[in-house]
């Protein structure tokens, strides 16, 4: 039962992030552009939809978990390296990016436990 509740919470998180990016595309695109993301006008919506789909697959559980893990773990690693590179920042930006970096590390850990 706790495992199911955990999957609902984790899946809802990814659905919420993807939905949030789609609901305010200008903000998501501006942030991606500021981090020099390749083709952000394509990558951001694509990633947003895959976050939503992955969130639903986590909630549904087996046999769909492989999809969420196959997409989300590499995605979070890439996002950490490209967008949350705290080692390149200074001041408040460094603290913020470190927080997001660690946040994504925790999400990777949660995905690995599924």
C-alpha atoms as a PDB file:
ATOM      1  CA  UNK A   1       0.000   0.000   0.000  1.00  0.00           C
ATOM      2  CA  UNK A   2       2.792   2.470   0.866  1.00  0.00           C
ATOM      3  CA  UNK A   3       4.524   1.609  -2.385  1.00  0.00           C
ATOM      4  CA  UNK A   4       1.372   2.508  -4.311  1.00  0.00           C
ATOM      5  CA  UNK A   5       1.021   5.816  -2.440  1.00  0.00           C
ATOM      6  CA  UNK A   6       4.679   6.530  -3.195  1.00  0.00           C
ATOM      7  CA  UNK A   7       4.122   5.835  -6.890  1.00  0.00           C
ATOM      8  CA  UNK A   8       1.106   8.163  -6.907  1.00  0.00           C
ATOM      9  CA  UNK A   9       3.114  10.965  -5.289  1.00  0.00           C
ATOM     10  CA  UNK A  10       6.142  10.491  -7.536  1.00  0.00           C
ATOM     11  CA  UNK A  11       4.033  10.171 -10.679  1.00  0.00           C
ATOM     12  CA  UNK A  12       1.959  13.215  -9.738  1.00  0.00           C
ATOM     13  CA  UNK A  13       5.166  15.203  -9.296  1.00  0.00           C
ATOM     14  CA  UNK A  14       6.286  14.487 -12.868  1.00  0.00           C
ATOM     15  CA  UNK A  15       2.785  15.141 -14.234  1.00  0.00           C
ATOM     16  CA  UNK A  16       2.765  18.464 -12.390  1.00  0.00           C
ATOM     17  CA  UNK A  17       6.177  19.527 -13.687  1.00  0.00           C
ATOM     18  CA  UNK A  18       5.282  18.639 -17.280  1.00  0.00           C
ATOM     19  CA  UNK A  19       1.904  20.361 -17.029  1.00  0.00           C
ATOM     20  CA  UNK A  20       3.491  23.431 -15.486  1.00  0.00           C
ATOM     21  CA  UNK A  21       5.924  23.758 -18.358  1.00  0.00           C
ATOM     22  CA  UNK A  22       3.111  23.439 -20.888  1.00  0.00           C
ATOM     23  CA  UNK A  23       0.907  25.938 -19.050  1.00  0.00           C
ATOM     24  CA  UNK A  24       3.631  28.617 -19.102  1.00  0.00           C
ATOM     25  CA  UNK A  25       5.696  27.827 -22.204  1.00  0.00           C
ATOM     26  CA  UNK A  26       7.290  31.283 -22.406  1.00  0.00           C
ATOM     27  CA  UNK A  27       8.835  30.900 -18.966  1.00  0.00           C
ATOM     28  CA  UNK A  28      10.044  27.346 -19.648  1.00  0.00           C
ATOM     29  CA  UNK A  29      11.487  28.366 -23.028  1.00  0.00           C
ATOM     30  CA  UNK A  30      13.210  31.439 -21.586  1.00  0.00           C
ATOM     31  CA  UNK A  31      14.881  29.355 -18.881  1.00  0.00           C
ATOM     32  CA  UNK A  32      15.963  26.707 -21.399  1.00  0.00           C
ATOM     33  CA  UNK A  33      17.356  29.386 -23.721  1.00  0.00           C
ATOM     34  CA  UNK A  34      19.263  30.977 -20.836  1.00  0.00           C
ATOM     35  CA  UNK A  35      20.962  27.612 -20.299  1.00  0.00           C
ATOM     36  CA  UNK A  36      21.780  27.239 -24.024  1.00  0.00           C
ATOM     37  CA  UNK A  37      19.559  24.186 -24.530  1.00  0.00           C
ATOM     38  CA  UNK A  38      19.685  22.885 -28.095  1.00  0.00           C
ATOM     39  CA  UNK A  39      16.463  23.713 -30.018  1.00  0.00           C
ATOM     40  CA  UNK A  40      14.458  24.654 -26.876  1.00  0.00           C
ATOM     41  CA  UNK A  41      11.272  25.299 -28.891  1.00  0.00           C
ATOM     42  CA  UNK A  42      11.276  21.571 -29.741  1.00  0.00           C
ATOM     43  CA  UNK A  43      12.967  20.065 -26.688  1.00  0.00           C
ATOM     44  CA  UNK A  44      10.870  21.780 -23.993  1.00  0.00           C
ATOM     45  CA  UNK A  45       7.402  20.704 -25.241  1.00  0.00           C
ATOM     46  CA  UNK A  46       8.692  17.221 -26.114  1.00  0.00           C
ATOM     47  CA  UNK A  47      10.208  16.777 -22.653  1.00  0.00           C
ATOM     48  CA  UNK A  48       7.056  18.183 -21.019  1.00  0.00           C
ATOM     49  CA  UNK A  49       4.822  15.625 -22.706  1.00  0.00           C
ATOM     50  CA  UNK A  50       7.224  12.817 -21.854  1.00  0.00           C
ATOM     51  CA  UNK A  51       7.278  13.946 -18.214  1.00  0.00           C
ATOM     52  CA  UNK A  52       3.484  13.716 -18.138  1.00  0.00           C
ATOM     53  CA  UNK A  53       3.431  10.307 -19.833  1.00  0.00           C
ATOM     54  CA  UNK A  54       6.175   9.042 -17.523  1.00  0.00           C
ATOM     55  CA  UNK A  55       4.246  10.279 -14.486  1.00  0.00           C
ATOM     56  CA  UNK A  56       1.212   8.260 -15.545  1.00  0.00           C
ATOM     57  CA  UNK A  57       3.344   5.164 -16.181  1.00  0.00           C
ATOM     58  CA  UNK A  58       4.769   5.415 -12.653  1.00  0.00           C
ATOM     59  CA  UNK A  59       1.263   5.558 -11.210  1.00  0.00           C
ATOM     60  CA  UNK A  60       0.105   2.626 -13.343  1.00  0.00           C
ATOM     61  CA  UNK A  61       3.091   0.556 -12.246  1.00  0.00           C
ATOM     62  CA  UNK A  62       4.263  -2.655 -13.846  1.00  0.00           C
ATOM     63  CA  UNK A  63       4.610  -3.417 -16.754  1.00  0.00           C
ATOM     64  CA  UNK A  64       4.968   0.286 -17.572  1.00  0.00           C
ATOM     65  CA  UNK A  65       7.698   1.319 -15.130  1.00  0.00           C
ATOM     66  CA  UNK A  66      10.451   0.501 -17.607  1.00  0.00           C
ATOM     67  CA  UNK A  67       9.267   3.405 -19.801  1.00  0.00           C
ATOM     68  CA  UNK A  68       9.465   5.920 -16.978  1.00  0.00           C
ATOM     69  CA  UNK A  69      12.884   4.717 -15.876  1.00  0.00           C
ATOM     70  CA  UNK A  70      14.250   4.521 -19.433  1.00  0.00           C
ATOM     71  CA  UNK A  71      13.286   8.131 -20.085  1.00  0.00           C
ATOM     72  CA  UNK A  72      13.468   9.881 -16.726  1.00  0.00           C
ATOM     73  CA  UNK A  73      16.812   8.685 -15.365  1.00  0.00           C
ATOM     74  CA  UNK A  74      18.862   9.750 -18.430  1.00  0.00           C
ATOM     75  CA  UNK A  75      16.726  12.888 -18.743  1.00  0.00           C
ATOM     76  CA  UNK A  76      17.431  13.951 -15.162  1.00  0.00           C
ATOM     77  CA  UNK A  77      21.153  13.268 -15.554  1.00  0.00           C
ATOM     78  CA  UNK A  78      21.288  15.386 -18.711  1.00  0.00           C
ATOM     79  CA  UNK A  79      19.230  18.160 -17.107  1.00  0.00           C
ATOM     80  CA  UNK A  80      21.524  18.185 -14.084  1.00  0.00           C
ATOM     81  CA  UNK A  81      24.628  18.497 -16.226  1.00  0.00           C
ATOM     82  CA  UNK A  82      23.284  21.078 -18.668  1.00  0.00           C
ATOM     83  CA  UNK A  83      20.762  23.172 -16.742  1.00  0.00           C
ATOM     84  CA  UNK A  84      21.708  22.827 -13.087  1.00  0.00           C
ATOM     85  CA  UNK A  85      25.491  23.067 -13.375  1.00  0.00           C
ATOM     86  CA  UNK A  86      25.917  24.805 -10.021  1.00  0.00           C
ATOM     87  CA  UNK A  87      29.706  24.635 -10.355  1.00  0.00           C
ATOM     88  CA  UNK A  88      29.498  27.246 -13.125  1.00  0.00           C
ATOM     89  CA  UNK A  89      27.421  29.700 -11.081  1.00  0.00           C
ATOM     90  CA  UNK A  90      28.145  32.215  -8.339  1.00  0.00           C
ATOM     91  CA  UNK A  91      26.157  33.723  -5.484  1.00  0.00           C
ATOM     92  CA  UNK A  92      22.434  33.046  -5.183  1.00  0.00           C
ATOM     93  CA  UNK A  93      22.349  31.311  -8.579  1.00  0.00           C
ATOM     94  CA  UNK A  94      24.829  28.745  -7.307  1.00  0.00           C
ATOM     95  CA  UNK A  95      22.638  27.955  -4.300  1.00  0.00           C
ATOM     96  CA  UNK A  96      19.518  27.669  -6.455  1.00  0.00           C
ATOM     97  CA  UNK A  97      21.153  25.426  -9.048  1.00  0.00           C
ATOM     98  CA  UNK A  98      22.687  23.234  -6.319  1.00  0.00           C
ATOM     99  CA  UNK A  99      19.223  22.811  -4.798  1.00  0.00           C
ATOM    100  CA  UNK A 100      17.746  21.753  -8.155  1.00  0.00           C
ATOM    101  CA  UNK A 101      20.740  19.484  -8.800  1.00  0.00           C
ATOM    102  CA  UNK A 102      20.244  17.693  -5.465  1.00  0.00           C
ATOM    103  CA  UNK A 103      16.493  17.610  -6.028  1.00  0.00           C
ATOM    104  CA  UNK A 104      17.027  15.734  -9.292  1.00  0.00           C
ATOM    105  CA  UNK A 105      19.511  13.379  -7.609  1.00  0.00           C
ATOM    106  CA  UNK A 106      16.808  12.498  -5.069  1.00  0.00           C
ATOM    107  CA  UNK A 107      14.343  11.863  -7.910  1.00  0.00           C
ATOM    108  CA  UNK A 108      16.844   9.553  -9.606  1.00  0.00           C
ATOM    109  CA  UNK A 109      17.186   7.686  -6.310  1.00  0.00           C
ATOM    110  CA  UNK A 110      13.414   7.353  -6.023  1.00  0.00           C
ATOM    111  CA  UNK A 111      13.197   6.028  -9.592  1.00  0.00           C
ATOM    112  CA  UNK A 112      15.942   3.485  -8.930  1.00  0.00           C
ATOM    113  CA  UNK A 113      13.965   2.120  -5.980  1.00  0.00           C
ATOM    114  CA  UNK A 114      10.899   1.398  -8.126  1.00  0.00           C
END
